[in-house]
Amino acid sequence: MIQSFVTLIPLFVSGILTIEIALTLRSRPMPALQWLLLWAATTTSLYAGHYIYFNHITPLLPCTDTIYTTCNLSVYPLYLLYILRLTSHRPPRWTYCILALPLIAGTMTAILYFLMDETATTQFFNTYLYQMDHTPPLQGLPLWQQRFHDLFKILFAAEVLATAHLGIRAIRRHNLLVESLYADTEGKTLNSLRTILLLLIATSLVSFAANIIGKACFDHNVWRLAIPSILFSALIFAIGWTGINQQFSIDDMVTNKATNNPTLLGDNQPLLTDNPPLSADNRPLPKDSEPALHHTTQPSTANSQLSAANSQLSAANSQQIIDRLTLLMQTERLYLQHGLKLDDVAQRLGTNRTYLLQAINEHHHATFSAYINRLRIQYALQQQKDYPHYSKEAIAFQSGFASVSSFYRNLRLYQGDSAI
C-alpha cells in the first residue's frame, strides 16, 4: 500500500502539471510552451511505467516497458527543445532529429517483445528487470533485449551531458542578448531556468546511478524508493512551475522589434534585415542612414562587407557615437526612462543599433543593460544624498528601475563604480 502511494506521487505531480500547462497554453499561446507540454505528457507516461513496474502489474509490462524506454530517452531531448525554442526563433533543424533516437529505441524494444514468447518474456522480467535470485542466465532474444536495455542506459547518460552543454550555452546566449538589448532585464533573462537545468542535471546523476544499479534495487525497499520519488516529484514541479511563469522568450524580442539583427538573434536565417550603411564602393556612409545592401550583392560578399564596415566603424565613428551618447545621457537623462531599449537610444542618436552596441562594448566594456544601470545607480546615490527622506522605493522608481529588487541587485553590482 505504501509502495503504491510512493510510486503514485511523481505520476500525480506530472499529470497535474500537464493539465496546468495545457490550460496555460490555451490562455497564453507560446510556441516554447508547446514543447514543455509535450515534455510533461512524456514525463507522465514515464512515471505511469514506473508505477506499473514497482506494483508488479506484469501483464502490462511488455507494453509499459516499451513506453518507458521511449519516454526515458525522450524527456531530456524534449526539455532541450523547450530551452532552444525559448532562446531561438528558429532552432537548428538537426535538434529535432534527436527525437528519432527514443523512437528507434522504443521500436526495437517492442519488436523484441513481440518476437519473444511468454516463457522468454517471463525469464527476461525475472532475470533482468526484477533481478531475482536463482534465475538462469539469459539467452537468445531475452539476451538481446538485455543488451539493448544496457545500451539505452549509456545513451541516456549521453543525452544528459548533451542537454547540459547545449542548454546552458543557449541560456547564456539568451541572457547576453537580453542584456545587450534591454536596460531592464528582470523577467527577461533565464536565470531561474538555468538553476532548474543545473538541478535537473544533478538529479539525473541519481537517475543514472539508479539505472546502473537497476530498478530492482528499489523494488523491495519502500523507503529507499521514496527518496528518488520525492526528489523527482519536487523537480518536476519546479520545472513545470518555472515554465508556466516564464513569459518572455526570443519571440517577444522579435515581436517588440527589440532587435532585427540576425547575428544577435543567433538564428540560421535572418528574420528581418538590419544591414550597416554602405556606400556604392562598399565603404561606410558618413551619415548614420541604414540603406539595405544592393540586391545583386552575394551573401558571402555581404558578410565580408559587414565585417569590414564594423572594423572601419571602430576606427572612425565609434568615438563620435560615444560622445553623442554621453551628451544625450547628460542632457536628457534618457536612462531614467522605464523599459528603455537599445533600439530607443539608437533611434534618438540616428544611428545603427549594431554600431551603438559595438561602441558601448568597446568604450565601456559593458552590455547595454550594465551601461544604463550604472548611470541609474549613480543617479540613485546622488538622490539619496540630496533627499535623504525619500524612501528606497521612491528612489528606485525615480532612477528608472522596474522594482526595488532590481535596484538593490544593481546597487550591489555597481555601487562605487567610477567607470562611467
Protein backbone atom coordinates (compact mmCIF):
# COMPACT_ATOMS: atom_id res chain seq x y z
CA MET A 1 0.00 0.00 0.00
CA ILE A 2 2.76 2.44 0.95
CA GLN A 3 4.80 1.49 -2.11
CA SER A 4 1.78 2.15 -4.32
CA PHE A 5 1.38 5.60 -2.78
CA VAL A 6 5.08 6.44 -3.13
CA THR A 7 5.16 5.47 -6.81
CA LEU A 8 1.97 7.44 -7.41
CA ILE A 9 3.47 10.77 -6.25
CA PRO A 10 5.57 11.66 -9.37
CA LEU A 11 2.81 10.35 -11.64
CA PHE A 12 0.27 12.59 -9.91
CA VAL A 13 2.56 15.67 -9.98
CA SER A 14 3.47 15.30 -13.65
CA GLY A 15 -0.17 14.64 -14.60
CA ILE A 16 -1.42 17.75 -12.80
CA LEU A 17 1.35 19.84 -14.41
CA THR A 18 0.42 18.51 -17.85
CA ILE A 19 -3.14 19.74 -17.34
CA GLU A 20 -1.96 23.08 -15.92
CA ILE A 21 0.44 23.70 -18.82
CA ALA A 22 -2.29 22.81 -21.31
CA LEU A 23 -4.66 25.32 -19.69
CA THR A 24 -1.92 27.96 -19.65
CA LEU A 25 -1.23 27.31 -23.32
CA ARG A 26 -4.90 27.89 -24.15
CA SER A 27 -4.93 31.27 -22.44
CA ARG A 28 -1.40 32.29 -23.43
CA PRO A 29 -0.24 30.72 -26.73
CA MET A 30 3.52 30.35 -26.66
CA PRO A 31 5.48 28.10 -29.07
CA ALA A 32 8.08 27.11 -26.46
CA LEU A 33 5.34 26.12 -24.01
CA GLN A 34 4.11 23.53 -26.51
CA TRP A 35 7.41 21.67 -26.09
CA LEU A 36 7.10 21.90 -22.30
CA LEU A 37 3.60 20.43 -22.57
CA LEU A 38 4.97 17.53 -24.62
CA TRP A 39 7.72 17.10 -22.03
CA ALA A 40 5.19 16.99 -19.17
CA ALA A 41 2.98 14.48 -21.01
CA THR A 42 6.02 12.30 -21.72
CA THR A 43 7.07 12.51 -18.07
CA THR A 44 3.57 11.41 -17.04
CA SER A 45 3.81 8.38 -19.32
CA LEU A 46 7.27 7.63 -17.94
CA TYR A 47 6.06 7.52 -14.35
CA ALA A 48 3.00 5.53 -15.35
CA GLY A 49 5.50 2.88 -16.43
CA HIS A 50 7.29 3.30 -13.09
CA TYR A 51 4.02 2.72 -11.25
CA ILE A 52 3.21 -0.46 -13.16
CA TYR A 53 6.74 -1.83 -12.71
CA PHE A 54 7.01 -1.25 -8.97
CA ASN A 55 3.50 -2.55 -8.33
CA HIS A 56 4.23 -5.74 -10.33
CA ILE A 57 1.39 -5.42 -12.84
CA THR A 58 3.27 -7.88 -15.05
CA PRO A 59 0.62 -8.42 -17.78
CA LEU A 60 1.12 -4.80 -18.82
CA LEU A 61 4.92 -4.81 -18.58
CA PRO A 62 5.74 -5.59 -22.25
CA CYS A 63 3.72 -2.54 -23.31
CA THR A 64 4.72 -0.23 -20.46
CA ASP A 65 8.41 -1.17 -20.61
CA THR A 66 8.38 -0.20 -24.29
CA ILE A 67 6.71 3.11 -23.43
CA TYR A 68 9.09 3.63 -20.51
CA THR A 69 12.14 3.06 -22.73
CA THR A 70 10.85 5.57 -25.29
CA CYS A 71 9.88 8.18 -22.70
CA ASN A 72 13.07 7.79 -20.67
CA LEU A 73 15.12 8.65 -23.75
CA SER A 74 12.71 11.46 -24.72
CA VAL A 75 12.48 13.64 -21.59
CA TYR A 76 15.90 15.27 -21.89
CA PRO A 77 15.71 15.94 -25.67
CA LEU A 78 12.23 17.44 -25.19
CA TYR A 79 13.39 19.69 -22.39
CA LEU A 80 16.36 20.76 -24.51
CA LEU A 81 14.00 21.60 -27.38
CA TYR A 82 11.93 23.67 -24.95
CA ILE A 83 15.03 25.66 -23.96
CA LEU A 84 16.14 26.07 -27.58
CA ARG A 85 12.69 27.29 -28.61
CA LEU A 86 12.72 29.81 -25.77
CA THR A 87 16.09 31.16 -26.85
CA SER A 88 15.99 30.85 -30.63
CA HIS A 89 13.25 31.85 -33.05
CA ARG A 90 14.35 29.14 -35.44
CA PRO A 91 16.28 26.35 -33.70
CA PRO A 92 18.64 24.36 -35.96
CA ARG A 93 16.79 21.62 -37.78
CA TRP A 94 19.17 18.96 -36.55
CA THR A 95 17.88 19.44 -33.00
CA TYR A 96 14.56 17.88 -33.98
CA CYS A 97 16.39 14.77 -35.17
CA ILE A 98 17.39 13.90 -31.61
CA LEU A 99 13.83 12.67 -31.05
CA ALA A 100 14.47 9.89 -33.56
CA LEU A 101 16.70 8.06 -31.06
CA PRO A 102 13.99 7.32 -28.46
CA LEU A 103 11.58 6.32 -31.22
CA ILE A 104 14.11 3.85 -32.61
CA ALA A 105 14.82 2.51 -29.11
CA GLY A 106 11.12 2.04 -28.40
CA THR A 107 10.59 0.32 -31.73
CA MET A 108 13.46 -2.10 -31.12
CA THR A 109 12.13 -2.93 -27.64
CA ALA A 110 8.62 -3.51 -28.98
CA ILE A 111 9.85 -5.78 -31.78
CA LEU A 112 11.84 -7.95 -29.39
CA TYR A 113 8.88 -8.27 -27.02
CA PHE A 114 6.70 -9.24 -29.99
CA LEU A 115 9.16 -11.95 -31.07
CA MET A 116 9.64 -13.35 -27.55
CA ASP A 117 7.20 -16.00 -26.35
CA GLU A 118 5.63 -15.91 -22.90
CA THR A 119 8.35 -18.06 -21.33
CA ALA A 120 11.16 -15.91 -22.71
CA THR A 121 9.36 -12.74 -21.64
CA THR A 122 8.87 -14.02 -18.09
CA GLN A 123 12.52 -15.06 -17.95
CA PHE A 124 13.60 -11.58 -19.02
CA PHE A 125 11.37 -9.97 -16.37
CA ASN A 126 12.66 -12.21 -13.56
CA THR A 127 16.31 -12.23 -14.53
CA TYR A 128 16.84 -8.66 -15.74
CA LEU A 129 14.02 -6.32 -14.74
CA TYR A 130 13.40 -7.67 -11.25
CA GLN A 131 16.84 -9.33 -10.81
CA MET A 132 15.50 -12.33 -8.89
CA ASP A 133 17.95 -14.77 -7.41
CA HIS A 134 18.44 -18.29 -8.73
CA THR A 135 17.44 -17.41 -12.28
CA PRO A 136 19.22 -18.93 -15.27
CA PRO A 137 21.37 -16.69 -17.49
CA LEU A 138 19.60 -15.14 -20.44
CA GLN A 139 20.00 -16.50 -23.94
CA GLY A 140 18.58 -15.76 -27.36
CA LEU A 141 16.06 -12.94 -27.67
CA PRO A 142 15.95 -12.17 -23.91
CA LEU A 143 19.73 -11.70 -24.00
CA TRP A 144 19.40 -9.24 -26.90
CA GLN A 145 16.69 -7.40 -25.01
CA GLN A 146 19.07 -7.12 -22.05
CA ARG A 147 21.88 -5.80 -24.25
CA PHE A 148 19.64 -3.18 -25.80
CA HIS A 149 18.43 -2.05 -22.37
CA ASP A 150 22.06 -1.69 -21.23
CA LEU A 151 22.83 0.31 -24.37
CA PHE A 152 19.90 2.61 -23.66
CA LYS A 153 21.36 3.41 -20.24
CA ILE A 154 24.56 4.63 -21.91
CA LEU A 155 22.56 6.67 -24.41
CA PHE A 156 20.60 8.21 -21.53
CA ALA A 157 23.84 9.40 -19.93
CA ALA A 158 24.97 10.90 -23.26
CA GLU A 159 21.67 12.77 -23.53
CA VAL A 160 22.14 14.24 -20.08
CA LEU A 161 25.57 15.59 -21.00
CA ALA A 162 24.33 16.95 -24.33
CA THR A 163 21.35 18.66 -22.67
CA ALA A 164 23.60 20.24 -20.06
CA HIS A 165 26.08 21.57 -22.61
CA LEU A 166 23.64 22.82 -25.24
CA GLY A 167 21.05 24.06 -22.74
CA ILE A 168 23.44 26.13 -20.64
CA ARG A 169 25.07 27.57 -23.76
CA ALA A 170 21.67 28.58 -25.16
CA ILE A 171 20.63 30.18 -21.86
CA ARG A 172 23.92 32.07 -21.62
CA ARG A 173 23.49 33.36 -25.19
CA HIS A 174 19.92 34.42 -24.46
CA ASN A 175 20.88 36.28 -21.29
CA LEU A 176 23.68 38.10 -23.07
CA LEU A 177 21.29 39.09 -25.84
CA VAL A 178 18.77 40.44 -23.30
CA GLU A 179 21.48 42.41 -21.50
CA SER A 180 22.60 43.84 -24.84
CA LEU A 181 19.14 44.98 -25.89
CA TYR A 182 17.25 45.91 -22.72
CA ALA A 183 18.09 48.15 -19.81
CA ASP A 184 15.61 46.27 -17.60
CA THR A 185 16.34 42.55 -17.70
CA GLU A 186 14.04 41.49 -14.87
CA GLY A 187 11.67 38.78 -16.10
CA LYS A 188 13.53 38.53 -19.41
CA THR A 189 16.64 36.53 -18.52
CA LEU A 190 16.54 32.78 -17.95
CA ASN A 191 18.50 32.66 -14.69
CA SER A 192 15.80 30.64 -12.93
CA LEU A 193 15.71 28.21 -15.84
CA ARG A 194 19.48 27.84 -15.65
CA THR A 195 19.18 26.95 -11.96
CA ILE A 196 16.47 24.41 -12.75
CA LEU A 197 18.62 22.91 -15.51
CA LEU A 198 21.57 22.53 -13.16
CA LEU A 199 19.32 20.86 -10.59
CA LEU A 200 17.96 18.60 -13.30
CA ILE A 201 21.46 17.58 -14.31
CA ALA A 202 22.45 16.96 -10.69
CA THR A 203 19.33 14.90 -10.08
CA SER A 204 19.92 12.98 -13.28
CA LEU A 205 23.09 11.61 -11.72
CA VAL A 206 20.83 9.92 -9.19
CA SER A 207 18.73 8.58 -12.05
CA PHE A 208 21.80 7.39 -13.93
CA ALA A 209 23.11 5.64 -10.81
CA ALA A 210 19.70 4.02 -10.35
CA ASN A 211 19.81 2.84 -13.98
CA ILE A 212 23.24 1.28 -13.43
CA ILE A 213 22.22 -0.37 -10.16
CA GLY A 214 18.86 -1.40 -11.57
CA LYS A 215 15.33 -0.51 -10.55
CA ALA A 216 15.08 -3.83 -8.76
CA CYS A 217 17.32 -2.42 -6.03
CA PHE A 218 14.42 -0.14 -5.02
CA ASP A 219 11.66 -2.69 -5.54
CA HIS A 220 11.51 -4.26 -2.09
CA ASN A 221 12.57 -1.24 -0.03
CA VAL A 222 9.86 1.39 0.06
CA TRP A 223 11.95 3.93 1.97
CA ARG A 224 14.80 3.61 -0.49
CA LEU A 225 12.25 4.11 -3.26
CA ALA A 226 10.72 7.14 -1.52
CA ILE A 227 13.93 9.22 -1.81
CA PRO A 228 14.15 9.42 -5.62
CA SER A 229 10.35 9.50 -5.88
CA ILE A 230 10.02 12.62 -3.73
CA LEU A 231 13.16 14.15 -5.22
CA PHE A 232 11.95 13.83 -8.80
CA SER A 233 8.43 14.93 -7.87
CA ALA A 234 9.82 18.17 -6.44
CA LEU A 235 12.00 18.70 -9.50
CA ILE A 236 9.12 18.04 -11.92
CA PHE A 237 7.00 20.58 -10.06
CA ALA A 238 9.83 23.15 -10.15
CA ILE A 239 10.33 22.65 -13.90
CA GLY A 240 6.63 22.98 -14.65
CA TRP A 241 6.08 25.96 -12.35
CA THR A 242 9.10 27.80 -13.78
CA GLY A 243 7.94 27.11 -17.32
CA ILE A 244 4.39 28.30 -16.67
CA ASN A 245 5.69 31.56 -15.20
CA GLN A 246 8.31 32.13 -17.91
CA GLN A 247 6.50 34.64 -20.11
CA PHE A 248 9.41 36.15 -22.05
CA SER A 249 11.18 34.46 -24.94
CA ILE A 250 13.02 35.24 -28.16
CA ASP A 251 9.62 35.70 -29.82
CA ASP A 252 8.98 38.76 -27.66
CA MET A 253 12.21 40.31 -28.90
CA VAL A 254 11.08 39.81 -32.48
CA THR A 255 7.52 41.00 -31.81
CA ASN A 256 8.72 44.07 -29.96
CA LYS A 257 11.35 44.70 -32.65
CA ALA A 258 13.96 44.90 -29.90
CA THR A 259 16.39 43.62 -32.49
CA ASN A 260 16.31 42.77 -36.14
CA ASN A 261 19.94 41.79 -36.39
CA PRO A 262 20.27 38.12 -37.40
CA THR A 263 23.71 37.91 -35.78
CA LEU A 264 22.32 39.00 -32.43
CA LEU A 265 19.35 36.68 -32.69
CA GLY A 266 21.62 33.73 -33.37
CA ASP A 267 19.22 32.17 -35.86
CA ASN A 268 20.19 30.36 -39.00
CA GLN A 269 18.18 32.72 -41.19
CA PRO A 270 17.65 36.45 -40.66
CA LEU A 271 14.16 37.38 -39.56
CA LEU A 272 14.47 40.98 -40.68
CA THR A 273 17.29 43.00 -42.20
CA ASP A 274 19.49 45.43 -40.33
CA ASN A 275 22.46 45.97 -42.60
CA PRO A 276 25.10 48.57 -41.78
CA PRO A 277 25.19 51.64 -44.02
CA LEU A 278 27.42 51.02 -47.02
CA SER A 279 28.10 53.26 -49.99
CA ALA A 280 28.43 52.15 -53.59
CA ASP A 281 32.14 51.49 -53.11
CA ASN A 282 31.40 49.34 -50.03
CA ARG A 283 32.60 51.96 -47.55
CA PRO A 284 30.54 53.19 -44.58
CA LEU A 285 28.43 56.20 -45.37
CA PRO A 286 29.37 59.35 -43.46
CA LYS A 287 25.82 59.67 -42.13
CA ASP A 288 24.02 57.15 -39.96
CA SER A 289 21.47 56.14 -42.56
CA GLU A 290 20.77 52.42 -42.93
CA PRO A 291 20.07 51.50 -46.57
CA ALA A 292 19.94 47.82 -47.44
CA LEU A 293 22.70 46.22 -49.46
CA HIS A 294 22.36 46.21 -53.22
CA HIS A 295 20.21 43.33 -54.39
CA THR A 296 22.98 41.94 -56.56
CA THR A 297 25.33 41.57 -53.62
CA GLN A 298 26.09 37.93 -52.85
CA PRO A 299 25.62 36.72 -49.23
CA SER A 300 29.31 35.92 -48.76
CA THR A 301 30.26 39.35 -50.06
CA ALA A 302 27.67 40.96 -47.81
CA ASN A 303 29.15 39.22 -44.75
CA SER A 304 32.65 40.40 -45.61
CA GLN A 305 31.32 43.91 -46.16
CA LEU A 306 29.58 43.84 -42.79
CA SER A 307 32.80 42.78 -41.04
CA ALA A 308 34.77 45.43 -42.89
CA ALA A 309 32.19 48.08 -42.04
CA ASN A 310 32.30 47.15 -38.34
CA SER A 311 36.09 47.38 -38.22
CA GLN A 312 36.03 50.73 -40.02
CA LEU A 313 33.37 51.96 -37.60
CA SER A 314 35.57 51.07 -34.67
CA ALA A 315 38.36 53.22 -36.05
CA ALA A 316 36.41 56.18 -37.43
CA ASN A 317 32.97 56.61 -35.88
CA SER A 318 32.91 54.75 -32.57
CA GLN A 319 34.21 57.68 -30.51
CA GLN A 320 31.76 60.03 -32.20
CA ILE A 321 28.84 57.76 -31.27
CA ILE A 322 30.02 57.56 -27.67
CA ASP A 323 30.38 61.34 -27.44
CA ARG A 324 26.85 61.83 -28.73
CA LEU A 325 25.56 59.09 -26.40
CA THR A 326 27.23 60.69 -23.38
CA LEU A 327 25.80 64.09 -24.26
CA LEU A 328 22.32 62.60 -24.67
CA MET A 329 22.50 60.91 -21.27
CA GLN A 330 23.81 64.03 -19.55
CA THR A 331 21.31 66.47 -21.06
CA GLU A 332 18.14 64.36 -21.23
CA ARG A 333 18.86 61.62 -18.67
CA LEU A 334 17.37 59.06 -21.01
CA TYR A 335 18.47 56.31 -18.62
CA LEU A 336 15.62 57.27 -16.27
CA GLN A 337 13.08 56.05 -18.81
CA HIS A 338 11.35 52.83 -17.75
CA GLY A 339 11.58 49.95 -20.20
CA LEU A 340 14.41 51.58 -22.13
CA LYS A 341 15.76 49.52 -25.05
CA LEU A 342 18.87 49.73 -27.18
CA ASP A 343 16.66 50.44 -30.16
CA ASP A 344 15.19 53.52 -28.42
CA VAL A 345 18.62 55.04 -27.86
CA ALA A 346 19.80 54.16 -31.38
CA GLN A 347 16.79 55.95 -32.84
CA ARG A 348 17.43 59.04 -30.73
CA LEU A 349 21.03 59.11 -31.93
CA GLY A 350 20.01 58.37 -35.52
CA THR A 351 22.46 55.52 -35.71
CA ASN A 352 22.57 51.80 -36.31
CA ARG A 353 21.90 49.76 -33.16
CA THR A 354 24.72 47.41 -34.17
CA TYR A 355 27.11 50.34 -34.23
CA LEU A 356 25.79 51.64 -30.89
CA LEU A 357 26.19 48.29 -29.16
CA GLN A 358 29.69 47.88 -30.56
CA ALA A 359 30.66 51.36 -29.36
CA ILE A 360 29.35 50.69 -25.83
CA ASN A 361 31.15 47.36 -25.68
CA GLU A 362 34.45 48.84 -26.85
CA HIS A 363 34.47 52.05 -24.80
CA HIS A 364 32.73 50.93 -21.61
CA HIS A 365 33.41 47.18 -21.73
CA ALA A 366 29.79 46.58 -20.78
CA THR A 367 26.49 45.44 -22.16
CA PHE A 368 23.74 47.99 -22.78
CA SER A 369 21.99 46.92 -19.57
CA ALA A 370 25.14 47.34 -17.48
CA TYR A 371 25.83 50.75 -19.02
CA ILE A 372 22.35 52.10 -18.31
CA ASN A 373 22.08 50.62 -14.83
CA ARG A 374 25.43 52.09 -13.79
CA LEU A 375 24.08 55.51 -14.72
CA ARG A 376 20.90 54.77 -12.80
CA ILE A 377 22.85 53.74 -9.69
CA GLN A 378 24.93 56.92 -9.84
CA TYR A 379 21.74 58.96 -10.10
CA ALA A 380 20.12 57.00 -7.24
CA LEU A 381 23.12 57.52 -4.95
CA GLN A 382 23.03 61.23 -5.65
CA GLN A 383 19.30 61.28 -4.94
CA GLN A 384 19.94 59.60 -1.61
CA LYS A 385 22.39 62.34 -0.68
CA ASP A 386 20.15 65.18 -1.85
CA TYR A 387 16.87 63.78 -0.50
CA PRO A 388 17.66 61.51 2.47
CA HIS A 389 14.00 61.47 3.49
CA TYR A 390 12.98 59.71 0.26
CA SER A 391 12.12 56.04 0.58
CA LYS A 392 14.14 53.36 -1.21
CA GLU A 393 11.08 52.53 -3.31
CA ALA A 394 10.70 56.13 -4.46
CA ILE A 395 14.38 56.47 -5.32
CA ALA A 396 14.40 53.15 -7.18
CA PHE A 397 11.38 54.17 -9.28
CA GLN A 398 12.68 57.67 -9.99
CA SER A 399 16.02 56.20 -11.05
CA GLY A 400 14.39 54.13 -13.76
CA PHE A 401 14.38 50.72 -12.08
CA ALA A 402 11.36 48.50 -12.57
CA SER A 403 11.41 47.20 -9.00
CA VAL A 404 13.16 47.62 -5.67
CA SER A 405 14.73 44.17 -6.01
CA SER A 406 16.27 45.22 -9.33
CA PHE A 407 17.57 48.40 -7.68
CA TYR A 408 19.25 46.51 -4.85
CA ARG A 409 20.71 43.91 -7.19
CA ASN A 410 22.31 46.58 -9.35
CA LEU A 411 23.37 48.55 -6.29
CA ARG A 412 25.41 45.57 -5.11
CA LEU A 413 26.97 45.28 -8.55
CA TYR A 414 27.82 48.88 -9.30
CA GLN A 415 27.97 50.88 -6.08
CA GLY A 416 31.19 52.87 -6.12
CA ASP A 417 31.79 52.03 -9.80
CA SER A 418 33.51 55.01 -11.41
CA ALA A 419 33.89 53.50 -14.87
CA ILE A 420 31.36 55.95 -16.34
